[in-house]
Amino acid sequence: QTWPTMAQQQWDTRYAADGFAFGTQPNDFLASCSARLPAGGAALCIGDGEGRNSVWLATQGLTTTAMDISPVGLAKAAALATSKGVALTTVAADLADFDMGTAQWDVIVTIFCHVPASLRRSAHARVLAALKPGGIYIYEGYNPSQIPLGTGGPKDPALLATLDELRADFEGGPAHVIEHAFTGRRVVVEGTYHTGEAEINQLIIRRA
């Protein structure tokens, strides 16, 4: 089986369970970025599963699209949006051929979406091109030091990047400023699957 097929089956199975695998509250790093968000505009949340982050973006007044490989997860995202009284567009797609557009988004967010390195590099090149000038990209994900901690994320090191590798993804693309870059340890407790001390990377990039 190809990686996208296996990934969709894995996530469909996880999201078919009762409840929300990672809870219904937004990632706390994303929530801490609220002052950096525009008062309105278009937001894209990549790999948002059951919608906790995209629904939060919608509550902040952004016209939000949630994209994920799992239609099962996105059905729950749509229900979560309804329960919060906000509109949400959902798109079930493989990140490898998902068209983000050009200069289309004011905000793009990727939270704990771990994919093979070649796909990550391709996606990040498209992210930068898809941001409007002045648009912001917010990223958090586990780094390779997370694996021995066992508190969440993939066990395959090929799916985990270092901060330097993430920075390199954006080199040679449209002009941008890295407003925040961090690698290190923090507590991540989200739903059933993110359960404590974690090794993470964070990036905030603004397109010039």
N, C-alpha and C. Protein backbone atom coordinates (compact mmCIF):
# COMPACT_ATOMS: atom_id res chain seq x y z
N GLN A 1 0.83 -1.20 0.00
CA GLN A 1 0.00 0.00 0.00
C GLN A 1 0.86 1.25 0.00
N THR A 2 0.36 2.30 -0.60
CA THR A 2 1.09 3.55 -0.60
C THR A 2 0.92 4.25 0.74
N TRP A 3 1.83 5.19 1.04
CA TRP A 3 1.76 5.91 2.31
C TRP A 3 0.41 6.61 2.48
N PRO A 4 -0.10 7.34 1.46
CA PRO A 4 -1.39 8.01 1.69
C PRO A 4 -2.53 7.05 2.03
N THR A 5 -2.56 5.88 1.39
CA THR A 5 -3.62 4.92 1.67
C THR A 5 -3.52 4.41 3.09
N MET A 6 -2.30 4.08 3.51
CA MET A 6 -2.12 3.61 4.89
C MET A 6 -2.46 4.71 5.89
N ALA A 7 -2.05 5.94 5.57
CA ALA A 7 -2.33 7.04 6.48
C ALA A 7 -3.83 7.28 6.60
N GLN A 8 -4.54 7.25 5.48
CA GLN A 8 -5.99 7.47 5.56
C GLN A 8 -6.64 6.37 6.39
N GLN A 9 -6.26 5.12 6.17
CA GLN A 9 -6.85 4.02 6.93
C GLN A 9 -6.56 4.17 8.42
N GLN A 10 -5.33 4.55 8.75
CA GLN A 10 -4.95 4.72 10.15
C GLN A 10 -5.81 5.80 10.82
N TRP A 11 -5.91 6.94 10.14
CA TRP A 11 -6.62 8.07 10.76
C TRP A 11 -8.13 7.86 10.73
N ASP A 12 -8.67 7.26 9.67
CA ASP A 12 -10.10 6.95 9.67
C ASP A 12 -10.46 6.05 10.85
N THR A 13 -9.60 5.05 11.11
CA THR A 13 -9.86 4.13 12.21
C THR A 13 -9.81 4.86 13.55
N ARG A 14 -8.79 5.68 13.73
CA ARG A 14 -8.67 6.40 15.00
C ARG A 14 -9.85 7.35 15.21
N TYR A 15 -10.24 8.06 14.17
CA TYR A 15 -11.29 9.07 14.32
C TYR A 15 -12.69 8.44 14.36
N ALA A 16 -12.80 7.17 13.98
CA ALA A 16 -14.10 6.50 14.06
C ALA A 16 -14.49 6.17 15.51
N ALA A 17 -13.51 6.21 16.41
CA ALA A 17 -13.80 5.92 17.83
C ALA A 17 -14.64 7.05 18.43
N ASP A 18 -15.30 6.74 19.52
CA ASP A 18 -16.09 7.75 20.22
C ASP A 18 -15.18 8.86 20.75
N GLY A 19 -15.76 10.05 20.90
CA GLY A 19 -15.00 11.15 21.46
C GLY A 19 -14.05 11.76 20.46
N PHE A 20 -13.16 12.62 20.96
CA PHE A 20 -12.20 13.32 20.12
C PHE A 20 -10.79 12.91 20.53
N ALA A 21 -10.04 12.35 19.58
CA ALA A 21 -8.74 11.75 19.89
C ALA A 21 -7.79 12.74 20.56
N PHE A 22 -7.84 14.00 20.11
CA PHE A 22 -6.93 15.02 20.65
C PHE A 22 -7.71 16.13 21.36
N GLY A 23 -8.93 15.83 21.74
CA GLY A 23 -9.75 16.80 22.43
C GLY A 23 -10.42 17.78 21.48
N THR A 24 -11.16 18.72 22.06
CA THR A 24 -11.87 19.73 21.27
C THR A 24 -11.30 21.13 21.47
N GLN A 25 -10.33 21.26 22.36
CA GLN A 25 -9.70 22.56 22.58
C GLN A 25 -8.56 22.76 21.58
N PRO A 26 -8.28 24.00 21.20
CA PRO A 26 -7.17 24.22 20.27
C PRO A 26 -5.83 23.90 20.93
N ASN A 27 -4.87 23.57 20.12
CA ASN A 27 -3.49 23.46 20.56
C ASN A 27 -3.09 24.75 21.30
N ASP A 28 -2.45 24.62 22.45
CA ASP A 28 -2.22 25.83 23.24
C ASP A 28 -1.16 26.75 22.65
N PHE A 29 -0.22 26.23 21.89
CA PHE A 29 0.71 27.12 21.19
C PHE A 29 -0.05 27.96 20.16
N LEU A 30 -0.94 27.33 19.40
CA LEU A 30 -1.74 28.09 18.45
C LEU A 30 -2.56 29.16 19.16
N ALA A 31 -3.22 28.77 20.25
CA ALA A 31 -4.04 29.75 20.98
C ALA A 31 -3.20 30.91 21.50
N SER A 32 -1.95 30.63 21.84
CA SER A 32 -1.07 31.70 22.34
C SER A 32 -0.69 32.70 21.24
N CYS A 33 -0.95 32.34 19.99
CA CYS A 33 -0.64 33.21 18.85
C CYS A 33 -1.80 34.12 18.47
N SER A 34 -2.85 34.17 19.29
CA SER A 34 -4.07 34.89 18.89
C SER A 34 -3.80 36.35 18.55
N ALA A 35 -2.88 36.99 19.27
CA ALA A 35 -2.60 38.40 19.02
C ALA A 35 -1.91 38.62 17.67
N ARG A 36 -1.33 37.58 17.11
CA ARG A 36 -0.66 37.70 15.80
C ARG A 36 -1.64 37.53 14.63
N LEU A 37 -2.85 37.06 14.92
CA LEU A 37 -3.80 36.78 13.84
C LEU A 37 -4.48 38.06 13.38
N PRO A 38 -4.82 38.14 12.10
CA PRO A 38 -5.60 39.29 11.63
C PRO A 38 -7.03 39.24 12.17
N ALA A 39 -7.69 40.39 12.15
CA ALA A 39 -9.06 40.45 12.67
C ALA A 39 -10.04 39.68 11.79
N GLY A 40 -9.69 39.50 10.52
CA GLY A 40 -10.52 38.73 9.59
C GLY A 40 -9.63 38.19 8.50
N GLY A 41 -10.23 37.50 7.54
CA GLY A 41 -9.45 36.95 6.45
C GLY A 41 -9.62 35.45 6.35
N ALA A 42 -8.81 34.84 5.51
CA ALA A 42 -8.95 33.43 5.18
C ALA A 42 -7.86 32.62 5.85
N ALA A 43 -8.27 31.51 6.49
CA ALA A 43 -7.32 30.63 7.18
C ALA A 43 -7.46 29.21 6.65
N LEU A 44 -6.31 28.53 6.52
CA LEU A 44 -6.24 27.13 6.12
C LEU A 44 -5.54 26.36 7.23
N CYS A 45 -6.17 25.28 7.67
CA CYS A 45 -5.59 24.42 8.71
C CYS A 45 -5.31 23.06 8.08
N ILE A 46 -4.03 22.71 7.98
CA ILE A 46 -3.58 21.51 7.27
C ILE A 46 -3.51 20.33 8.25
N GLY A 47 -4.11 19.21 7.87
CA GLY A 47 -4.03 18.00 8.69
C GLY A 47 -4.75 18.17 10.02
N ASP A 48 -5.95 18.79 9.99
CA ASP A 48 -6.59 19.14 11.26
C ASP A 48 -7.56 18.08 11.77
N GLY A 49 -7.62 16.91 11.14
CA GLY A 49 -8.35 15.79 11.73
C GLY A 49 -9.77 16.14 12.14
N GLU A 50 -10.03 16.09 13.44
CA GLU A 50 -11.37 16.31 13.98
C GLU A 50 -11.68 17.78 14.23
N GLY A 51 -10.78 18.68 13.82
CA GLY A 51 -11.16 20.08 13.68
C GLY A 51 -10.91 21.01 14.85
N ARG A 52 -10.19 20.55 15.88
CA ARG A 52 -10.09 21.40 17.07
C ARG A 52 -9.41 22.74 16.79
N ASN A 53 -8.43 22.75 15.90
CA ASN A 53 -7.71 23.99 15.63
C ASN A 53 -8.43 24.87 14.59
N SER A 54 -8.98 24.24 13.58
CA SER A 54 -9.69 25.03 12.56
C SER A 54 -10.96 25.65 13.13
N VAL A 55 -11.66 24.92 13.97
CA VAL A 55 -12.87 25.48 14.59
C VAL A 55 -12.49 26.67 15.48
N TRP A 56 -11.40 26.56 16.21
CA TRP A 56 -10.95 27.70 17.02
C TRP A 56 -10.63 28.90 16.15
N LEU A 57 -9.94 28.67 15.02
CA LEU A 57 -9.64 29.78 14.10
C LEU A 57 -10.93 30.45 13.63
N ALA A 58 -11.95 29.64 13.36
CA ALA A 58 -13.24 30.20 12.94
C ALA A 58 -13.85 31.05 14.05
N THR A 59 -13.69 30.62 15.30
CA THR A 59 -14.23 31.42 16.41
C THR A 59 -13.48 32.74 16.57
N GLN A 60 -12.29 32.84 15.99
CA GLN A 60 -11.53 34.08 16.04
C GLN A 60 -11.90 35.05 14.91
N GLY A 61 -12.91 34.66 14.12
CA GLY A 61 -13.39 35.54 13.07
C GLY A 61 -12.79 35.31 11.71
N LEU A 62 -12.04 34.22 11.56
CA LEU A 62 -11.42 33.90 10.28
C LEU A 62 -12.30 32.95 9.48
N THR A 63 -12.35 33.15 8.17
CA THR A 63 -13.07 32.26 7.27
C THR A 63 -12.16 31.05 7.03
N THR A 64 -12.52 29.93 7.62
CA THR A 64 -11.56 28.84 7.82
C THR A 64 -11.90 27.60 7.01
N THR A 65 -10.84 27.00 6.45
CA THR A 65 -10.91 25.72 5.76
C THR A 65 -10.05 24.71 6.51
N ALA A 66 -10.62 23.56 6.83
CA ALA A 66 -9.88 22.44 7.43
C ALA A 66 -9.62 21.41 6.34
N MET A 67 -8.36 21.04 6.15
CA MET A 67 -7.98 20.02 5.19
C MET A 67 -7.38 18.84 5.94
N ASP A 68 -7.76 17.63 5.55
CA ASP A 68 -7.20 16.43 6.17
C ASP A 68 -7.37 15.27 5.21
N ILE A 69 -6.58 14.21 5.42
CA ILE A 69 -6.68 13.02 4.58
C ILE A 69 -7.88 12.15 4.98
N SER A 70 -8.43 12.40 6.19
CA SER A 70 -9.48 11.52 6.72
C SER A 70 -10.86 12.16 6.65
N PRO A 71 -11.73 11.67 5.77
CA PRO A 71 -13.10 12.18 5.75
C PRO A 71 -13.85 11.88 7.04
N VAL A 72 -13.46 10.82 7.74
CA VAL A 72 -14.09 10.48 9.02
C VAL A 72 -13.80 11.58 10.04
N GLY A 73 -12.54 12.00 10.10
CA GLY A 73 -12.18 13.08 11.01
C GLY A 73 -12.89 14.37 10.66
N LEU A 74 -12.96 14.68 9.38
CA LEU A 74 -13.55 15.95 8.95
C LEU A 74 -15.05 15.99 9.21
N ALA A 75 -15.73 14.85 9.18
CA ALA A 75 -17.15 14.83 9.54
C ALA A 75 -17.32 15.27 11.00
N LYS A 76 -16.40 14.84 11.85
CA LYS A 76 -16.45 15.27 13.25
C LYS A 76 -16.07 16.75 13.38
N ALA A 77 -15.16 17.21 12.53
CA ALA A 77 -14.82 18.63 12.53
C ALA A 77 -16.04 19.49 12.19
N ALA A 78 -16.79 19.05 11.19
CA ALA A 78 -17.99 19.80 10.78
C ALA A 78 -19.01 19.82 11.92
N ALA A 79 -19.16 18.70 12.63
CA ALA A 79 -20.09 18.65 13.75
C ALA A 79 -19.61 19.55 14.90
N LEU A 80 -18.30 19.57 15.13
CA LEU A 80 -17.75 20.44 16.18
C LEU A 80 -18.01 21.91 15.84
N ALA A 81 -17.82 22.27 14.57
CA ALA A 81 -18.09 23.65 14.15
C ALA A 81 -19.55 24.01 14.38
N THR A 82 -20.44 23.12 14.03
CA THR A 82 -21.87 23.37 14.25
C THR A 82 -22.16 23.58 15.73
N SER A 83 -21.55 22.75 16.57
CA SER A 83 -21.79 22.87 18.01
C SER A 83 -21.28 24.18 18.58
N LYS A 84 -20.27 24.77 17.91
CA LYS A 84 -19.71 26.04 18.37
C LYS A 84 -20.35 27.24 17.66
N GLY A 85 -21.25 26.94 16.71
CA GLY A 85 -21.95 28.02 16.03
C GLY A 85 -21.10 28.78 15.01
N VAL A 86 -20.12 28.10 14.41
CA VAL A 86 -19.27 28.75 13.40
C VAL A 86 -19.32 27.97 12.09
N ALA A 87 -19.02 28.67 11.01
CA ALA A 87 -18.93 28.05 9.69
C ALA A 87 -17.54 27.45 9.50
N LEU A 88 -17.48 26.31 8.84
CA LEU A 88 -16.20 25.67 8.55
C LEU A 88 -16.32 24.95 7.21
N THR A 89 -15.36 25.19 6.33
CA THR A 89 -15.25 24.43 5.09
C THR A 89 -14.29 23.28 5.32
N THR A 90 -14.66 22.07 4.91
CA THR A 90 -13.77 20.91 5.05
C THR A 90 -13.41 20.36 3.68
N VAL A 91 -12.15 19.95 3.53
CA VAL A 91 -11.66 19.38 2.27
C VAL A 91 -10.88 18.11 2.60
N ALA A 92 -11.38 16.97 2.14
CA ALA A 92 -10.65 15.71 2.28
C ALA A 92 -9.70 15.57 1.10
N ALA A 93 -8.41 15.51 1.38
CA ALA A 93 -7.42 15.51 0.30
C ALA A 93 -6.12 14.90 0.79
N ASP A 94 -5.34 14.43 -0.16
CA ASP A 94 -3.97 13.98 0.08
C ASP A 94 -3.08 15.22 -0.04
N LEU A 95 -2.29 15.48 0.98
CA LEU A 95 -1.43 16.66 0.98
C LEU A 95 -0.52 16.71 -0.24
N ALA A 96 -0.16 15.54 -0.79
CA ALA A 96 0.76 15.49 -1.92
C ALA A 96 0.23 16.24 -3.14
N ASP A 97 -1.09 16.22 -3.35
CA ASP A 97 -1.62 16.90 -4.54
C ASP A 97 -2.69 17.93 -4.18
N PHE A 98 -2.69 18.38 -2.94
CA PHE A 98 -3.64 19.40 -2.51
C PHE A 98 -3.20 20.77 -3.01
N ASP A 99 -4.08 21.44 -3.75
CA ASP A 99 -3.76 22.75 -4.32
C ASP A 99 -4.10 23.84 -3.29
N MET A 100 -3.07 24.46 -2.73
CA MET A 100 -3.28 25.52 -1.74
C MET A 100 -3.54 26.88 -2.40
N GLY A 101 -3.29 26.96 -3.71
CA GLY A 101 -3.47 28.23 -4.39
C GLY A 101 -2.24 29.12 -4.24
N THR A 102 -2.35 30.33 -4.76
CA THR A 102 -1.25 31.30 -4.73
C THR A 102 -1.75 32.60 -4.10
N ALA A 103 -1.01 33.07 -3.09
CA ALA A 103 -1.35 34.33 -2.40
C ALA A 103 -2.83 34.35 -2.03
N GLN A 104 -3.28 33.28 -1.43
CA GLN A 104 -4.71 33.07 -1.18
C GLN A 104 -5.10 33.19 0.30
N TRP A 105 -4.16 32.91 1.22
CA TRP A 105 -4.50 32.75 2.63
C TRP A 105 -3.81 33.81 3.48
N ASP A 106 -4.55 34.33 4.47
CA ASP A 106 -3.97 35.23 5.47
C ASP A 106 -3.27 34.46 6.57
N VAL A 107 -3.76 33.25 6.85
CA VAL A 107 -3.21 32.40 7.92
C VAL A 107 -3.20 30.96 7.42
N ILE A 108 -2.07 30.27 7.62
CA ILE A 108 -1.99 28.83 7.40
C ILE A 108 -1.41 28.21 8.68
N VAL A 109 -2.01 27.11 9.11
CA VAL A 109 -1.62 26.47 10.37
C VAL A 109 -1.38 24.98 10.13
N THR A 110 -0.30 24.47 10.70
CA THR A 110 -0.03 23.02 10.72
C THR A 110 0.34 22.64 12.14
N ILE A 111 -0.47 21.82 12.78
CA ILE A 111 -0.23 21.42 14.16
C ILE A 111 -0.16 19.89 14.23
N PHE A 112 1.00 19.37 14.60
CA PHE A 112 1.21 17.92 14.78
C PHE A 112 0.74 17.12 13.56
N CYS A 113 1.15 17.56 12.39
CA CYS A 113 0.89 16.83 11.13
C CYS A 113 2.24 16.32 10.64
N HIS A 114 2.50 15.04 10.85
CA HIS A 114 3.82 14.48 10.56
C HIS A 114 3.76 13.61 9.31
N VAL A 115 4.54 13.98 8.30
CA VAL A 115 4.52 13.30 7.01
C VAL A 115 5.95 13.04 6.56
N PRO A 116 6.15 12.17 5.56
CA PRO A 116 7.51 11.92 5.06
C PRO A 116 8.20 13.21 4.62
N ALA A 117 9.53 13.22 4.72
CA ALA A 117 10.31 14.44 4.51
C ALA A 117 10.07 15.07 3.14
N SER A 118 10.01 14.26 2.10
CA SER A 118 9.83 14.83 0.75
C SER A 118 8.48 15.52 0.64
N LEU A 119 7.47 14.96 1.26
CA LEU A 119 6.14 15.57 1.24
C LEU A 119 6.12 16.83 2.09
N ARG A 120 6.79 16.79 3.23
CA ARG A 120 6.87 17.99 4.08
C ARG A 120 7.53 19.16 3.34
N ARG A 121 8.64 18.87 2.67
CA ARG A 121 9.34 19.93 1.93
C ARG A 121 8.46 20.51 0.82
N SER A 122 7.80 19.63 0.08
CA SER A 122 6.90 20.07 -0.99
C SER A 122 5.76 20.90 -0.43
N ALA A 123 5.18 20.45 0.66
CA ALA A 123 4.06 21.18 1.25
C ALA A 123 4.50 22.54 1.75
N HIS A 124 5.66 22.61 2.38
CA HIS A 124 6.11 23.89 2.91
C HIS A 124 6.44 24.88 1.80
N ALA A 125 6.95 24.39 0.68
CA ALA A 125 7.17 25.30 -0.46
C ALA A 125 5.84 25.88 -0.94
N ARG A 126 4.81 25.03 -0.94
CA ARG A 126 3.48 25.49 -1.37
C ARG A 126 2.84 26.41 -0.34
N VAL A 127 3.11 26.17 0.94
CA VAL A 127 2.57 27.03 1.99
C VAL A 127 3.03 28.47 1.79
N LEU A 128 4.32 28.64 1.59
CA LEU A 128 4.86 30.00 1.47
C LEU A 128 4.26 30.71 0.26
N ALA A 129 4.13 30.00 -0.86
CA ALA A 129 3.53 30.60 -2.06
C ALA A 129 2.05 30.89 -1.87
N ALA A 130 1.39 30.10 -1.02
CA ALA A 130 -0.06 30.23 -0.85
C ALA A 130 -0.44 31.35 0.11
N LEU A 131 0.52 31.82 0.91
CA LEU A 131 0.24 32.94 1.81
C LEU A 131 0.16 34.24 1.04
N LYS A 132 -0.77 35.09 1.44
CA LYS A 132 -0.78 36.46 0.93
C LYS A 132 0.44 37.20 1.50
N PRO A 133 0.92 38.24 0.82
CA PRO A 133 1.95 39.08 1.45
C PRO A 133 1.47 39.56 2.82
N GLY A 134 2.31 39.39 3.83
CA GLY A 134 1.92 39.72 5.19
C GLY A 134 1.23 38.59 5.92
N GLY A 135 0.92 37.50 5.20
CA GLY A 135 0.27 36.36 5.81
C GLY A 135 1.21 35.60 6.73
N ILE A 136 0.63 34.80 7.62
CA ILE A 136 1.41 34.15 8.67
C ILE A 136 1.21 32.63 8.63
N TYR A 137 2.32 31.91 8.87
CA TYR A 137 2.28 30.44 8.98
C TYR A 137 2.68 30.07 10.39
N ILE A 138 1.86 29.23 11.03
CA ILE A 138 2.09 28.79 12.41
C ILE A 138 2.22 27.27 12.40
N TYR A 139 3.34 26.77 12.93
CA TYR A 139 3.66 25.34 12.89
C TYR A 139 4.08 24.87 14.28
N GLU A 140 3.56 23.72 14.70
CA GLU A 140 4.14 22.99 15.81
C GLU A 140 4.10 21.50 15.49
N GLY A 141 5.20 20.81 15.79
CA GLY A 141 5.27 19.37 15.57
C GLY A 141 6.34 18.76 16.46
N TYR A 142 6.27 17.47 16.63
CA TYR A 142 7.29 16.77 17.40
C TYR A 142 8.61 16.74 16.64
N ASN A 143 9.72 16.69 17.40
CA ASN A 143 11.04 16.53 16.79
C ASN A 143 11.57 15.12 17.09
N PRO A 144 12.69 14.73 16.48
CA PRO A 144 13.14 13.34 16.63
C PRO A 144 13.40 12.90 18.07
N SER A 145 13.70 13.85 18.96
CA SER A 145 13.95 13.49 20.36
C SER A 145 12.69 13.08 21.10
N GLN A 146 11.54 13.22 20.44
CA GLN A 146 10.27 12.85 21.06
C GLN A 146 10.11 11.33 21.20
N ILE A 147 10.68 10.57 20.29
CA ILE A 147 10.37 9.13 20.22
C ILE A 147 10.61 8.41 21.56
N PRO A 148 11.77 8.60 22.22
CA PRO A 148 11.95 7.87 23.49
C PRO A 148 11.03 8.34 24.62
N LEU A 149 10.45 9.53 24.50
CA LEU A 149 9.56 10.01 25.56
C LEU A 149 8.22 9.26 25.54
N GLY A 150 7.75 8.88 24.34
CA GLY A 150 6.56 8.04 24.24
C GLY A 150 5.27 8.72 24.66
N THR A 151 5.20 10.04 24.56
CA THR A 151 4.00 10.76 24.99
C THR A 151 3.15 11.26 23.82
N GLY A 152 3.40 10.71 22.62
CA GLY A 152 2.61 11.08 21.46
C GLY A 152 3.45 11.13 20.21
N GLY A 153 2.74 11.13 19.08
CA GLY A 153 3.43 11.27 17.79
C GLY A 153 3.91 9.95 17.23
N PRO A 154 4.41 10.01 16.00
CA PRO A 154 4.84 8.79 15.31
C PRO A 154 6.11 8.20 15.91
N LYS A 155 6.25 6.90 15.74
CA LYS A 155 7.45 6.20 16.21
C LYS A 155 8.51 6.10 15.11
N ASP A 156 8.17 6.53 13.90
CA ASP A 156 9.07 6.45 12.75
C ASP A 156 9.86 7.76 12.65
N PRO A 157 11.18 7.72 12.85
CA PRO A 157 11.96 8.96 12.80
C PRO A 157 11.91 9.65 11.44
N ALA A 158 11.56 8.91 10.39
CA ALA A 158 11.47 9.51 9.06
C ALA A 158 10.34 10.53 8.96
N LEU A 159 9.42 10.50 9.93
CA LEU A 159 8.30 11.43 9.92
C LEU A 159 8.54 12.65 10.81
N LEU A 160 9.72 12.71 11.43
CA LEU A 160 10.01 13.79 12.39
C LEU A 160 11.21 14.60 11.90
N ALA A 161 11.07 15.93 11.94
CA ALA A 161 12.11 16.83 11.43
C ALA A 161 12.79 17.56 12.57
N THR A 162 14.03 17.98 12.33
CA THR A 162 14.70 18.92 13.23
C THR A 162 14.29 20.34 12.86
N LEU A 163 14.54 21.27 13.76
CA LEU A 163 14.22 22.67 13.47
C LEU A 163 15.02 23.17 12.27
N ASP A 164 16.28 22.78 12.16
CA ASP A 164 17.09 23.21 11.02
C ASP A 164 16.51 22.69 9.70
N GLU A 165 16.02 21.45 9.72
CA GLU A 165 15.40 20.91 8.50
C GLU A 165 14.14 21.69 8.14
N LEU A 166 13.36 22.06 9.15
CA LEU A 166 12.15 22.85 8.88
C LEU A 166 12.51 24.21 8.29
N ARG A 167 13.49 24.88 8.88
CA ARG A 167 13.91 26.18 8.34
C ARG A 167 14.32 26.06 6.87
N ALA A 168 15.06 24.98 6.58
CA ALA A 168 15.57 24.79 5.21
C ALA A 168 14.44 24.60 4.21
N ASP A 169 13.28 24.10 4.66
CA ASP A 169 12.14 23.91 3.77
C ASP A 169 11.75 25.21 3.07
N PHE A 170 11.99 26.34 3.72
CA PHE A 170 11.49 27.62 3.22
C PHE A 170 12.55 28.43 2.47
N GLU A 171 13.78 27.94 2.47
CA GLU A 171 14.86 28.67 1.79
C GLU A 171 14.63 28.64 0.28
N GLY A 172 14.88 29.76 -0.36
CA GLY A 172 14.72 29.84 -1.80
C GLY A 172 13.30 30.15 -2.24
N GLY A 173 12.37 30.22 -1.30
CA GLY A 173 10.98 30.55 -1.63
C GLY A 173 10.75 32.05 -1.56
N PRO A 174 9.49 32.47 -1.60
CA PRO A 174 9.17 33.88 -1.49
C PRO A 174 9.76 34.49 -0.21
N ALA A 175 10.04 35.79 -0.27
CA ALA A 175 10.66 36.48 0.87
C ALA A 175 9.78 36.33 2.11
N HIS A 176 10.42 36.09 3.25
CA HIS A 176 9.68 35.86 4.49
C HIS A 176 10.55 36.17 5.68
N VAL A 177 9.92 36.33 6.82
CA VAL A 177 10.61 36.59 8.08
C VAL A 177 10.21 35.49 9.07
N ILE A 178 11.20 34.89 9.73
CA ILE A 178 10.91 33.92 10.79
C ILE A 178 10.74 34.72 12.09
N GLU A 179 9.50 34.81 12.56
CA GLU A 179 9.21 35.62 13.74
C GLU A 179 9.45 34.84 15.03
N HIS A 180 9.41 33.52 14.96
CA HIS A 180 9.59 32.69 16.15
C HIS A 180 10.09 31.33 15.71
N ALA A 181 11.11 30.83 16.38
CA ALA A 181 11.63 29.48 16.11
C ALA A 181 12.10 28.90 17.43
N PHE A 182 11.61 27.72 17.77
CA PHE A 182 11.94 27.10 19.04
C PHE A 182 12.00 25.60 18.86
N THR A 183 13.00 24.99 19.46
CA THR A 183 13.03 23.54 19.59
C THR A 183 13.39 23.21 21.02
N GLY A 184 12.65 22.28 21.61
CA GLY A 184 12.90 21.94 23.01
C GLY A 184 11.71 21.25 23.62
N ARG A 185 11.67 21.30 24.95
CA ARG A 185 10.71 20.49 25.67
C ARG A 185 9.59 21.35 26.25
N ARG A 186 8.36 20.86 26.14
CA ARG A 186 7.23 21.47 26.83
C ARG A 186 6.19 20.38 27.09
N VAL A 187 5.25 20.67 27.96
CA VAL A 187 4.18 19.72 28.25
C VAL A 187 3.08 19.86 27.21
N VAL A 188 2.72 18.76 26.57
CA VAL A 188 1.63 18.73 25.59
C VAL A 188 0.63 17.67 26.05
N VAL A 189 -0.53 18.12 26.52
CA VAL A 189 -1.59 17.20 26.95
C VAL A 189 -2.83 17.56 26.16
N GLU A 190 -3.21 16.68 25.22
CA GLU A 190 -4.32 16.94 24.30
C GLU A 190 -5.05 15.62 24.05
N GLY A 191 -6.25 15.50 24.59
CA GLY A 191 -7.03 14.29 24.35
C GLY A 191 -6.34 13.04 24.88
N THR A 192 -6.53 11.95 24.15
CA THR A 192 -6.04 10.64 24.58
C THR A 192 -4.61 10.37 24.17
N TYR A 193 -4.13 11.05 23.12
CA TYR A 193 -2.90 10.61 22.46
C TYR A 193 -1.69 11.51 22.68
N HIS A 194 -1.88 12.70 23.23
CA HIS A 194 -0.75 13.59 23.57
C HIS A 194 -0.77 13.74 25.08
N THR A 195 0.24 13.16 25.76
CA THR A 195 0.05 12.85 27.18
C THR A 195 1.14 13.36 28.11
N GLY A 196 1.91 14.38 27.74
CA GLY A 196 2.86 14.87 28.73
C GLY A 196 4.07 15.57 28.14
N GLU A 197 5.19 15.48 28.88
CA GLU A 197 6.44 16.11 28.46
C GLU A 197 6.76 15.70 27.03
N ALA A 198 7.07 16.69 26.19
CA ALA A 198 7.26 16.41 24.78
C ALA A 198 8.42 17.23 24.22
N GLU A 199 9.03 16.71 23.18
CA GLU A 199 10.08 17.42 22.43
C GLU A 199 9.46 17.94 21.14
N ILE A 200 9.41 19.25 21.00
CA ILE A 200 8.67 19.83 19.88
C ILE A 200 9.51 20.88 19.14
N ASN A 201 9.06 21.18 17.93
CA ASN A 201 9.54 22.34 17.17
C ASN A 201 8.37 23.30 16.99
N GLN A 202 8.66 24.59 17.01
CA GLN A 202 7.68 25.62 16.69
C GLN A 202 8.27 26.60 15.70
N LEU A 203 7.45 27.04 14.76
CA LEU A 203 7.85 28.08 13.81
C LEU A 203 6.68 29.04 13.61
N ILE A 204 6.99 30.31 13.53
CA ILE A 204 6.04 31.31 13.04
C ILE A 204 6.75 32.08 11.93
N ILE A 205 6.20 32.02 10.75
CA ILE A 205 6.81 32.64 9.58
C ILE A 205 5.81 33.61 8.97
N ARG A 206 6.28 34.82 8.67
CA ARG A 206 5.42 35.79 8.01
C ARG A 206 5.96 36.07 6.61
N ARG A 207 5.10 35.94 5.62
CA ARG A 207 5.52 36.26 4.25
C ARG A 207 5.67 37.76 4.10
N ALA A 208 6.76 38.17 3.46
CA ALA A 208 7.04 39.60 3.29
C ALA A 208 6.07 40.23 2.29
